Amino acid sequence: MRWFEGVESPRANYLVVILYNAEQLAREGSPIEADWGIVGCIYTAEPEEVPMAPITMMRNALGVEEGGSGVPLDKEAYRRSVEFWENNANWRPGSDPRIAGL
């Protein structure tokens, strides 16, 4: 993983909320008494969805037993993810979670 340090971060314009349905959360060992649960949030400057990191896509494809979601790997989505993350990076963990281009 790579990230930015020591630079002023731009202000995020969008908050992308990541939801899993109750069935998926139960499969992963986190049952809820609702239809949907929030599993994460991503701040971004652009209105487009930020691709999931390639390693996360690969882990998810391994299945729930391996810490993933059990969603099969979509080769085209994986290709777009690699392309995006070759040209972008996160802000340093613990500082500013916004995404920015290199």
PDB file of N, CA and C in Angstrom:
ATOM      1  N   MET A   1       0.846  -1.168   0.000  1.00  0.00           N
ATOM      2  CA  MET A   1       0.000   0.000   0.000  1.00  0.00           C
ATOM      3  C   MET A   1       0.893   1.232   0.000  1.00  0.00           C
ATOM      4  N   ARG A   2       0.471   2.243  -0.705  1.00  0.00           N
ATOM      5  CA  ARG A   2       1.218   3.500  -0.698  1.00  0.00           C
ATOM      6  C   ARG A   2       0.252   4.621  -0.352  1.00  0.00           C
ATOM      7  N   TRP A   3       0.798   5.712   0.185  1.00  0.00           N
ATOM      8  CA  TRP A   3      -0.046   6.819   0.594  1.00  0.00           C
ATOM      9  C   TRP A   3       0.732   8.114   0.549  1.00  0.00           C
ATOM     10  N   PHE A   4       0.008   9.212   0.673  1.00  0.00           N
ATOM     11  CA  PHE A   4       0.611  10.537   0.703  1.00  0.00           C
ATOM     12  C   PHE A   4       0.851  10.963   2.139  1.00  0.00           C
ATOM     13  N   GLU A   5       1.951  11.671   2.362  1.00  0.00           N
ATOM     14  CA  GLU A   5       2.247  12.267   3.655  1.00  0.00           C
ATOM     15  C   GLU A   5       2.795  13.656   3.417  1.00  0.00           C
ATOM     16  N   GLY A   6       2.543  14.548   4.352  1.00  0.00           N
ATOM     17  CA  GLY A   6       3.150  15.868   4.301  1.00  0.00           C
ATOM     18  C   GLY A   6       2.649  16.765   3.189  1.00  0.00           C
ATOM     19  N   VAL A   7       1.467  16.501   2.667  1.00  0.00           N
ATOM     20  CA  VAL A   7       0.872  17.369   1.657  1.00  0.00           C
ATOM     21  C   VAL A   7      -0.504  17.796   2.146  1.00  0.00           C
ATOM     22  N   GLU A   8      -0.918  18.973   1.720  1.00  0.00           N
ATOM     23  CA  GLU A   8      -2.239  19.446   2.114  1.00  0.00           C
ATOM     24  C   GLU A   8      -3.288  18.710   1.294  1.00  0.00           C
ATOM     25  N   SER A   9      -4.236  18.127   1.983  1.00  0.00           N
ATOM     26  CA  SER A   9      -5.248  17.343   1.280  1.00  0.00           C
ATOM     27  C   SER A   9      -6.368  18.238   0.752  1.00  0.00           C
ATOM     28  N   PRO A  10      -6.886  17.898  -0.429  1.00  0.00           N
ATOM     29  CA  PRO A  10      -8.034  18.640  -0.944  1.00  0.00           C
ATOM     30  C   PRO A  10      -9.277  18.250  -0.151  1.00  0.00           C
ATOM     31  N   ARG A  11     -10.287  19.070  -0.210  1.00  0.00           N
ATOM     32  CA  ARG A  11     -11.539  18.784   0.482  1.00  0.00           C
ATOM     33  C   ARG A  11     -12.354  17.777  -0.333  1.00  0.00           C
ATOM     34  N   ALA A  12     -12.876  16.773   0.329  1.00  0.00           N
ATOM     35  CA  ALA A  12     -13.713  15.778  -0.344  1.00  0.00           C
ATOM     36  C   ALA A  12     -15.069  16.390  -0.661  1.00  0.00           C
ATOM     37  N   ASN A  13     -15.594  16.042  -1.821  1.00  0.00           N
ATOM     38  CA  ASN A  13     -16.908  16.527  -2.229  1.00  0.00           C
ATOM     39  C   ASN A  13     -17.997  15.484  -2.039  1.00  0.00           C
ATOM     40  N   TYR A  14     -17.603  14.209  -1.900  1.00  0.00           N
ATOM     41  CA  TYR A  14     -18.571  13.129  -1.835  1.00  0.00           C
ATOM     42  C   TYR A  14     -18.194  12.129  -0.756  1.00  0.00           C
ATOM     43  N   LEU A  15     -19.216  11.515  -0.188  1.00  0.00           N
ATOM     44  CA  LEU A  15     -19.049  10.419   0.755  1.00  0.00           C
ATOM     45  C   LEU A  15     -19.745   9.208   0.140  1.00  0.00           C
ATOM     46  N   VAL A  16     -18.991   8.152  -0.100  1.00  0.00           N
ATOM     47  CA  VAL A  16     -19.544   6.922  -0.661  1.00  0.00           C
ATOM     48  C   VAL A  16     -19.713   5.946   0.497  1.00  0.00           C
ATOM     49  N   VAL A  17     -20.948   5.563   0.761  1.00  0.00           N
ATOM     50  CA  VAL A  17     -21.250   4.637   1.845  1.00  0.00           C
ATOM     51  C   VAL A  17     -21.289   3.221   1.275  1.00  0.00           C
ATOM     52  N   ILE A  18     -20.565   2.307   1.899  1.00  0.00           N
ATOM     53  CA  ILE A  18     -20.493   0.924   1.438  1.00  0.00           C
ATOM     54  C   ILE A  18     -21.439   0.094   2.301  1.00  0.00           C
ATOM     55  N   LEU A  19     -22.420  -0.523   1.637  1.00  0.00           N
ATOM     56  CA  LEU A  19     -23.451  -1.298   2.329  1.00  0.00           C
ATOM     57  C   LEU A  19     -23.347  -2.776   1.977  1.00  0.00           C
ATOM     58  N   TYR A  20     -23.632  -3.635   2.952  1.00  0.00           N
ATOM     59  CA  TYR A  20     -23.837  -5.064   2.712  1.00  0.00           C
ATOM     60  C   TYR A  20     -25.250  -5.378   3.177  1.00  0.00           C
ATOM     61  N   ASN A  21     -25.922  -6.273   2.470  1.00  0.00           N
ATOM     62  CA  ASN A  21     -27.254  -6.648   2.924  1.00  0.00           C
ATOM     63  C   ASN A  21     -27.138  -7.603   4.112  1.00  0.00           C
ATOM     64  N   ALA A  22     -28.262  -7.791   4.811  1.00  0.00           N
ATOM     65  CA  ALA A  22     -28.275  -8.597   6.037  1.00  0.00           C
ATOM     66  C   ALA A  22     -27.806 -10.024   5.773  1.00  0.00           C
ATOM     67  N   GLU A  23     -28.176 -10.579   4.630  1.00  0.00           N
ATOM     68  CA  GLU A  23     -27.776 -11.945   4.295  1.00  0.00           C
ATOM     69  C   GLU A  23     -26.253 -12.063   4.196  1.00  0.00           C
ATOM     70  N   GLN A  24     -25.620 -11.101   3.536  1.00  0.00           N
ATOM     71  CA  GLN A  24     -24.158 -11.136   3.400  1.00  0.00           C
ATOM     72  C   GLN A  24     -23.487 -10.966   4.756  1.00  0.00           C
ATOM     73  N   LEU A  25     -23.982 -10.052   5.558  1.00  0.00           N
ATOM     74  CA  LEU A  25     -23.385  -9.848   6.883  1.00  0.00           C
ATOM     75  C   LEU A  25     -23.522 -11.096   7.745  1.00  0.00           C
ATOM     76  N   ALA A  26     -24.656 -11.782   7.655  1.00  0.00           N
ATOM     77  CA  ALA A  26     -24.829 -13.029   8.407  1.00  0.00           C
ATOM     78  C   ALA A  26     -23.843 -14.088   7.930  1.00  0.00           C
ATOM     79  N   ARG A  27     -23.630 -14.192   6.600  1.00  0.00           N
ATOM     80  CA  ARG A  27     -22.655 -15.148   6.051  1.00  0.00           C
ATOM     81  C   ARG A  27     -21.257 -14.882   6.594  1.00  0.00           C
ATOM     82  N   GLU A  28     -20.972 -13.610   6.827  1.00  0.00           N
ATOM     83  CA  GLU A  28     -19.641 -13.228   7.307  1.00  0.00           C
ATOM     84  C   GLU A  28     -19.550 -13.227   8.831  1.00  0.00           C
ATOM     85  N   GLY A  29     -20.611 -13.691   9.499  1.00  0.00           N
ATOM     86  CA  GLY A  29     -20.570 -13.803  10.954  1.00  0.00           C
ATOM     87  C   GLY A  29     -20.952 -12.542  11.696  1.00  0.00           C
ATOM     88  N   SER A  30     -21.609 -11.595  11.025  1.00  0.00           N
ATOM     89  CA  SER A  30     -22.034 -10.342  11.669  1.00  0.00           C
ATOM     90  C   SER A  30     -23.527 -10.111  11.415  1.00  0.00           C
ATOM     91  N   PRO A  31     -24.386 -10.980  11.992  1.00  0.00           N
ATOM     92  CA  PRO A  31     -25.823 -10.807  11.741  1.00  0.00           C
ATOM     93  C   PRO A  31     -26.337  -9.485  12.300  1.00  0.00           C
ATOM     94  N   ILE A  32     -27.320  -8.908  11.585  1.00  0.00           N
ATOM     95  CA  ILE A  32     -27.929  -7.648  12.023  1.00  0.00           C
ATOM     96  C   ILE A  32     -29.443  -7.777  11.944  1.00  0.00           C
ATOM     97  N   GLU A  33     -30.130  -6.901  12.656  1.00  0.00           N
ATOM     98  CA  GLU A  33     -31.585  -6.865  12.617  1.00  0.00           C
ATOM     99  C   GLU A  33     -32.040  -5.689  11.771  1.00  0.00           C
ATOM    100  N   ALA A  34     -31.606  -5.675  10.529  1.00  0.00           N
ATOM    101  CA  ALA A  34     -31.950  -4.624   9.568  1.00  0.00           C
ATOM    102  C   ALA A  34     -31.762  -5.218   8.180  1.00  0.00           C
ATOM    103  N   ASP A  35     -32.206  -4.510   7.171  1.00  0.00           N
ATOM    104  CA  ASP A  35     -32.038  -4.993   5.792  1.00  0.00           C
ATOM    105  C   ASP A  35     -30.620  -4.781   5.283  1.00  0.00           C
ATOM    106  N   TRP A  36     -29.991  -3.691   5.717  1.00  0.00           N
ATOM    107  CA  TRP A  36     -28.658  -3.307   5.238  1.00  0.00           C
ATOM    108  C   TRP A  36     -27.803  -2.843   6.405  1.00  0.00           C
ATOM    109  N   GLY A  37     -26.473  -3.014   6.273  1.00  0.00           N
ATOM    110  CA  GLY A  37     -25.536  -2.520   7.269  1.00  0.00           C
ATOM    111  C   GLY A  37     -24.392  -1.787   6.586  1.00  0.00           C
ATOM    112  N   ILE A  38     -23.913  -0.737   7.223  1.00  0.00           N
ATOM    113  CA  ILE A  38     -22.776   0.028   6.700  1.00  0.00           C
ATOM    114  C   ILE A  38     -21.495  -0.696   7.085  1.00  0.00           C
ATOM    115  N   VAL A  39     -20.655  -0.996   6.089  1.00  0.00           N
ATOM    116  CA  VAL A  39     -19.386  -1.666   6.362  1.00  0.00           C
ATOM    117  C   VAL A  39     -18.188  -0.764   6.098  1.00  0.00           C
ATOM    118  N   GLY A  40     -18.429   0.408   5.551  1.00  0.00           N
ATOM    119  CA  GLY A  40     -17.334   1.336   5.305  1.00  0.00           C
ATOM    120  C   GLY A  40     -17.811   2.600   4.630  1.00  0.00           C
ATOM    121  N   CYS A  41     -16.944   3.579   4.602  1.00  0.00           N
ATOM    122  CA  CYS A  41     -17.211   4.847   3.925  1.00  0.00           C
ATOM    123  C   CYS A  41     -15.925   5.289   3.233  1.00  0.00           C
ATOM    124  N   ILE A  42     -16.079   5.877   2.071  1.00  0.00           N
ATOM    125  CA  ILE A  42     -14.938   6.405   1.329  1.00  0.00           C
ATOM    126  C   ILE A  42     -15.243   7.860   0.992  1.00  0.00           C
ATOM    127  N   TYR A  43     -14.308   8.736   1.263  1.00  0.00           N
ATOM    128  CA  TYR A  43     -14.430  10.137   0.896  1.00  0.00           C
ATOM    129  C   TYR A  43     -13.720  10.337  -0.436  1.00  0.00           C
ATOM    130  N   THR A  44     -14.309  11.106  -1.334  1.00  0.00           N
ATOM    131  CA  THR A  44     -13.690  11.290  -2.641  1.00  0.00           C
ATOM    132  C   THR A  44     -14.024  12.667  -3.217  1.00  0.00           C
ATOM    133  N   ALA A  45     -13.191  13.140  -4.113  1.00  0.00           N
ATOM    134  CA  ALA A  45     -13.408  14.442  -4.754  1.00  0.00           C
ATOM    135  C   ALA A  45     -14.304  14.318  -5.976  1.00  0.00           C
ATOM    136  N   GLU A  46     -14.433  13.126  -6.528  1.00  0.00           N
ATOM    137  CA  GLU A  46     -15.193  12.907  -7.757  1.00  0.00           C
ATOM    138  C   GLU A  46     -16.481  12.145  -7.476  1.00  0.00           C
ATOM    139  N   PRO A  47     -17.523  12.327  -8.289  1.00  0.00           N
ATOM    140  CA  PRO A  47     -18.794  11.626  -8.039  1.00  0.00           C
ATOM    141  C   PRO A  47     -18.793  10.158  -8.446  1.00  0.00           C
ATOM    142  N   GLU A  48     -17.745   9.697  -9.112  1.00  0.00           N
ATOM    143  CA  GLU A  48     -17.679   8.306  -9.534  1.00  0.00           C
ATOM    144  C   GLU A  48     -17.228   7.415  -8.379  1.00  0.00           C
ATOM    145  N   GLU A  49     -17.683   6.172  -8.431  1.00  0.00           N
ATOM    146  CA  GLU A  49     -17.287   5.203  -7.424  1.00  0.00           C
ATOM    147  C   GLU A  49     -15.794   4.920  -7.535  1.00  0.00           C
ATOM    148  N   VAL A  50     -15.105   4.868  -6.412  1.00  0.00           N
ATOM    149  CA  VAL A  50     -13.683   4.533  -6.378  1.00  0.00           C
ATOM    150  C   VAL A  50     -13.568   3.010  -6.411  1.00  0.00           C
ATOM    151  N   PRO A  51     -12.796   2.450  -7.338  1.00  0.00           N
ATOM    152  CA  PRO A  51     -12.683   0.984  -7.414  1.00  0.00           C
ATOM    153  C   PRO A  51     -12.083   0.394  -6.138  1.00  0.00           C
ATOM    154  N   MET A  52     -12.586  -0.750  -5.791  1.00  0.00           N
ATOM    155  CA  MET A  52     -12.045  -1.496  -4.670  1.00  0.00           C
ATOM    156  C   MET A  52     -10.580  -1.829  -4.986  1.00  0.00           C
ATOM    157  N   ALA A  53      -9.736  -1.878  -3.982  1.00  0.00           N
ATOM    158  CA  ALA A  53      -8.330  -2.216  -4.196  1.00  0.00           C
ATOM    159  C   ALA A  53      -8.208  -3.637  -4.746  1.00  0.00           C
ATOM    160  N   PRO A  54      -7.269  -3.869  -5.668  1.00  0.00           N
ATOM    161  CA  PRO A  54      -7.111  -5.202  -6.252  1.00  0.00           C
ATOM    162  C   PRO A  54      -6.954  -6.311  -5.210  1.00  0.00           C
ATOM    163  N   ILE A  55      -6.192  -6.068  -4.163  1.00  0.00           N
ATOM    164  CA  ILE A  55      -5.986  -7.116  -3.149  1.00  0.00           C
ATOM    165  C   ILE A  55      -7.285  -7.435  -2.424  1.00  0.00           C
ATOM    166  N   THR A  56      -8.143  -6.430  -2.228  1.00  0.00           N
ATOM    167  CA  THR A  56      -9.434  -6.668  -1.578  1.00  0.00           C
ATOM    168  C   THR A  56     -10.329  -7.501  -2.477  1.00  0.00           C
ATOM    169  N   MET A  57     -10.309  -7.216  -3.774  1.00  0.00           N
ATOM    170  CA  MET A  57     -11.097  -8.004  -4.723  1.00  0.00           C
ATOM    171  C   MET A  57     -10.638  -9.457  -4.717  1.00  0.00           C
ATOM    172  N   MET A  58      -9.344  -9.671  -4.666  1.00  0.00           N
ATOM    173  CA  MET A  58      -8.814 -11.035  -4.659  1.00  0.00           C
ATOM    174  C   MET A  58      -9.195 -11.756  -3.370  1.00  0.00           C
ATOM    175  N   ARG A  59      -9.065 -11.073  -2.230  1.00  0.00           N
ATOM    176  CA  ARG A  59      -9.427 -11.689  -0.945  1.00  0.00           C
ATOM    177  C   ARG A  59     -10.913 -12.038  -0.927  1.00  0.00           C
ATOM    178  N   ASN A  60     -11.757 -11.118  -1.424  1.00  0.00           N
ATOM    179  CA  ASN A  60     -13.194 -11.396  -1.453  1.00  0.00           C
ATOM    180  C   ASN A  60     -13.504 -12.644  -2.265  1.00  0.00           C
ATOM    181  N   ALA A  61     -12.797 -12.829  -3.369  1.00  0.00           N
ATOM    182  CA  ALA A  61     -13.033 -13.990  -4.229  1.00  0.00           C
ATOM    183  C   ALA A  61     -12.631 -15.301  -3.552  1.00  0.00           C
ATOM    184  N   LEU A  62     -11.758 -15.242  -2.546  1.00  0.00           N
ATOM    185  CA  LEU A  62     -11.349 -16.461  -1.840  1.00  0.00           C
ATOM    186  C   LEU A  62     -12.482 -17.037  -1.004  1.00  0.00           C
ATOM    187  N   GLY A  63     -13.409 -16.205  -0.569  1.00  0.00           N
ATOM    188  CA  GLY A  63     -14.538 -16.700   0.214  1.00  0.00           C
ATOM    189  C   GLY A  63     -14.506 -16.223   1.649  1.00  0.00           C
ATOM    190  N   VAL A  64     -15.640 -16.419   2.296  1.00  0.00           N
ATOM    191  CA  VAL A  64     -15.830 -15.969   3.675  1.00  0.00           C
ATOM    192  C   VAL A  64     -14.825 -16.640   4.615  1.00  0.00           C
ATOM    193  N   GLU A  65     -14.509 -17.905   4.357  1.00  0.00           N
ATOM    194  CA  GLU A  65     -13.572 -18.636   5.223  1.00  0.00           C
ATOM    195  C   GLU A  65     -12.198 -17.979   5.267  1.00  0.00           C
ATOM    196  N   GLU A  66     -11.852 -17.259   4.209  1.00  0.00           N
ATOM    197  CA  GLU A  66     -10.547 -16.605   4.109  1.00  0.00           C
ATOM    198  C   GLU A  66     -10.626 -15.105   4.402  1.00  0.00           C
ATOM    199  N   GLY A  67     -11.767 -14.654   4.932  1.00  0.00           N
ATOM    200  CA  GLY A  67     -11.909 -13.234   5.271  1.00  0.00           C
ATOM    201  C   GLY A  67     -12.513 -12.381   4.173  1.00  0.00           C
ATOM    202  N   GLY A  68     -12.974 -13.004   3.106  1.00  0.00           N
ATOM    203  CA  GLY A  68     -13.577 -12.263   2.004  1.00  0.00           C
ATOM    204  C   GLY A  68     -15.088 -12.308   2.054  1.00  0.00           C
ATOM    205  N   SER A  69     -15.711 -11.865   0.984  1.00  0.00           N
ATOM    206  CA  SER A  69     -17.166 -11.829   0.921  1.00  0.00           C
ATOM    207  C   SER A  69     -17.741 -12.987   0.118  1.00  0.00           C
ATOM    208  N   GLY A  70     -16.899 -13.702  -0.606  1.00  0.00           N
ATOM    209  CA  GLY A  70     -17.379 -14.807  -1.424  1.00  0.00           C
ATOM    210  C   GLY A  70     -17.868 -14.376  -2.793  1.00  0.00           C
ATOM    211  N   VAL A  71     -17.635 -13.119  -3.154  1.00  0.00           N
ATOM    212  CA  VAL A  71     -18.040 -12.618  -4.463  1.00  0.00           C
ATOM    213  C   VAL A  71     -16.973 -13.020  -5.477  1.00  0.00           C
ATOM    214  N   PRO A  72     -17.372 -13.708  -6.555  1.00  0.00           N
ATOM    215  CA  PRO A  72     -16.379 -14.121  -7.562  1.00  0.00           C
ATOM    216  C   PRO A  72     -15.656 -12.914  -8.172  1.00  0.00           C
ATOM    217  N   LEU A  73     -14.430 -13.143  -8.590  1.00  0.00           N
ATOM    218  CA  LEU A  73     -13.629 -12.092  -9.206  1.00  0.00           C
ATOM    219  C   LEU A  73     -14.160 -11.764 -10.605  1.00  0.00           C
ATOM    220  N   ASP A  74     -14.465 -10.504 -10.826  1.00  0.00           N
ATOM    221  CA  ASP A  74     -14.890 -10.000 -12.135  1.00  0.00           C
ATOM    222  C   ASP A  74     -13.625  -9.475 -12.811  1.00  0.00           C
ATOM    223  N   LYS A  75     -13.180 -10.135 -13.865  1.00  0.00           N
ATOM    224  CA  LYS A  75     -11.904  -9.795 -14.494  1.00  0.00           C
ATOM    225  C   LYS A  75     -11.854  -8.360 -15.008  1.00  0.00           C
ATOM    226  N   GLU A  76     -12.950  -7.866 -15.578  1.00  0.00           N
ATOM    227  CA  GLU A  76     -12.966  -6.495 -16.088  1.00  0.00           C
ATOM    228  C   GLU A  76     -12.918  -5.484 -14.946  1.00  0.00           C
ATOM    229  N   ALA A  77     -13.654  -5.736 -13.874  1.00  0.00           N
ATOM    230  CA  ALA A  77     -13.614  -4.848 -12.705  1.00  0.00           C
ATOM    231  C   ALA A  77     -12.215  -4.867 -12.087  1.00  0.00           C
ATOM    232  N   TYR A  78     -11.588  -6.045 -12.056  1.00  0.00           N
ATOM    233  CA  TYR A  78     -10.228  -6.159 -11.524  1.00  0.00           C
ATOM    234  C   TYR A  78      -9.253  -5.344 -12.370  1.00  0.00           C
ATOM    235  N   ARG A  79      -9.377  -5.433 -13.692  1.00  0.00           N
ATOM    236  CA  ARG A  79      -8.516  -4.660 -14.593  1.00  0.00           C
ATOM    237  C   ARG A  79      -8.673  -3.170 -14.343  1.00  0.00           C
ATOM    238  N   ARG A  80      -9.922  -2.690 -14.204  1.00  0.00           N
ATOM    239  CA  ARG A  80     -10.164  -1.270 -13.929  1.00  0.00           C
ATOM    240  C   ARG A  80      -9.581  -0.866 -12.574  1.00  0.00           C
ATOM    241  N   SER A  81      -9.667  -1.762 -11.604  1.00  0.00           N
ATOM    242  CA  SER A  81      -9.115  -1.494 -10.274  1.00  0.00           C
ATOM    243  C   SER A  81      -7.600  -1.325 -10.336  1.00  0.00           C
ATOM    244  N   VAL A  82      -6.939  -2.241 -11.018  1.00  0.00           N
ATOM    245  CA  VAL A  82      -5.476  -2.158 -11.150  1.00  0.00           C
ATOM    246  C   VAL A  82      -5.091  -0.854 -11.839  1.00  0.00           C
ATOM    247  N   GLU A  83      -5.787  -0.519 -12.918  1.00  0.00           N
ATOM    248  CA  GLU A  83      -5.496   0.719 -13.639  1.00  0.00           C
ATOM    249  C   GLU A  83      -5.680   1.944 -12.737  1.00  0.00           C
ATOM    250  N   PHE A  84      -6.759   1.990 -11.981  1.00  0.00           N
ATOM    251  CA  PHE A  84      -7.016   3.120 -11.084  1.00  0.00           C
ATOM    252  C   PHE A  84      -5.925   3.226 -10.017  1.00  0.00           C
ATOM    253  N   TRP A  85      -5.627   2.110  -9.336  1.00  0.00           N
ATOM    254  CA  TRP A  85      -4.699   2.160  -8.210  1.00  0.00           C
ATOM    255  C   TRP A  85      -3.238   2.265  -8.637  1.00  0.00           C
ATOM    256  N   GLU A  86      -2.936   2.055  -9.922  1.00  0.00           N
ATOM    257  CA  GLU A  86      -1.584   2.342 -10.421  1.00  0.00           C
ATOM    258  C   GLU A  86      -1.363   3.848 -10.517  1.00  0.00           C
ATOM    259  N   ASN A  87      -2.445   4.622 -10.565  1.00  0.00           N
ATOM    260  CA  ASN A  87      -2.359   6.071 -10.755  1.00  0.00           C
ATOM    261  C   ASN A  87      -2.887   6.884  -9.587  1.00  0.00           C
ATOM    262  N   ASN A  88      -3.280   6.232  -8.498  1.00  0.00           N
ATOM    263  CA  ASN A  88      -3.842   6.911  -7.339  1.00  0.00           C
ATOM    264  C   ASN A  88      -3.339   6.263  -6.067  1.00  0.00           C
ATOM    265  N   ALA A  89      -3.512   6.956  -4.955  1.00  0.00           N
ATOM    266  CA  ALA A  89      -3.110   6.417  -3.660  1.00  0.00           C
ATOM    267  C   ALA A  89      -4.007   7.009  -2.582  1.00  0.00           C
ATOM    268  N   ASN A  90      -4.019   6.366  -1.420  1.00  0.00           N
ATOM    269  CA  ASN A  90      -4.760   6.855  -0.260  1.00  0.00           C
ATOM    270  C   ASN A  90      -3.946   7.891   0.500  1.00  0.00           C
ATOM    271  N   TRP A  91      -4.635   8.629   1.354  1.00  0.00           N
ATOM    272  CA  TRP A  91      -3.926   9.456   2.319  1.00  0.00           C
ATOM    273  C   TRP A  91      -3.431   8.533   3.404  1.00  0.00           C
ATOM    274  N   ARG A  92      -2.392   8.922   4.100  1.00  0.00           N
ATOM    275  CA  ARG A  92      -1.799   8.085   5.146  1.00  0.00           C
ATOM    276  C   ARG A  92      -2.865   7.638   6.128  1.00  0.00           C
ATOM    277  N   PRO A  93      -2.933   6.325   6.413  1.00  0.00           N
ATOM    278  CA  PRO A  93      -3.916   5.826   7.382  1.00  0.00           C
ATOM    279  C   PRO A  93      -3.804   6.564   8.706  1.00  0.00           C
ATOM    280  N   GLY A  94      -4.934   6.927   9.247  1.00  0.00           N
ATOM    281  CA  GLY A  94      -4.953   7.645  10.502  1.00  0.00           C
ATOM    282  C   GLY A  94      -4.958   9.139  10.336  1.00  0.00           C
ATOM    283  N   SER A  95      -4.728   9.621   9.103  1.00  0.00           N
ATOM    284  CA  SER A  95      -4.780  11.061   8.896  1.00  0.00           C
ATOM    285  C   SER A  95      -6.037  11.402   8.124  1.00  0.00           C
ATOM    286  N   ASP A  96      -5.975  11.504   6.834  1.00  0.00           N
ATOM    287  CA  ASP A  96      -7.107  11.934   6.034  1.00  0.00           C
ATOM    288  C   ASP A  96      -7.488  10.832   5.056  1.00  0.00           C
ATOM    289  N   PRO A  97      -8.704  10.280   5.134  1.00  0.00           N
ATOM    290  CA  PRO A  97      -9.073   9.129   4.323  1.00  0.00           C
ATOM    291  C   PRO A  97      -9.451   9.455   2.882  1.00  0.00           C
ATOM    292  N   ARG A  98      -9.291  10.677   2.438  1.00  0.00           N
ATOM    293  CA  ARG A  98      -9.688  11.021   1.075  1.00  0.00           C
ATOM    294  C   ARG A  98      -8.757  10.448   0.034  1.00  0.00           C
ATOM    295  N   ILE A  99      -9.277  10.191  -1.118  1.00  0.00           N
ATOM    296  CA  ILE A  99      -8.528   9.652  -2.249  1.00  0.00           C
ATOM    297  C   ILE A  99      -8.045  10.814  -3.106  1.00  0.00           C
ATOM    298  N   ALA A 100      -6.829  10.710  -3.658  1.00  0.00           N
ATOM    299  CA  ALA A 100      -6.319  11.766  -4.533  1.00  0.00           C
ATOM    300  C   ALA A 100      -5.448  11.153  -5.619  1.00  0.00           C
ATOM    301  N   GLY A 101      -5.373  11.809  -6.752  1.00  0.00           N
ATOM    302  CA  GLY A 101      -4.512  11.355  -7.840  1.00  0.00           C
ATOM    303  C   GLY A 101      -3.054  11.696  -7.571  1.00  0.00           C
ATOM    304  N   LEU A 102      -2.160  10.990  -8.206  1.00  0.00           N
ATOM    305  CA  LEU A 102      -0.723  11.250  -8.048  1.00  0.00           C
ATOM    306  C   LEU A 102      -0.317  12.479  -8.818  1.00  0.00           C
TER     307      LEU A 102
END
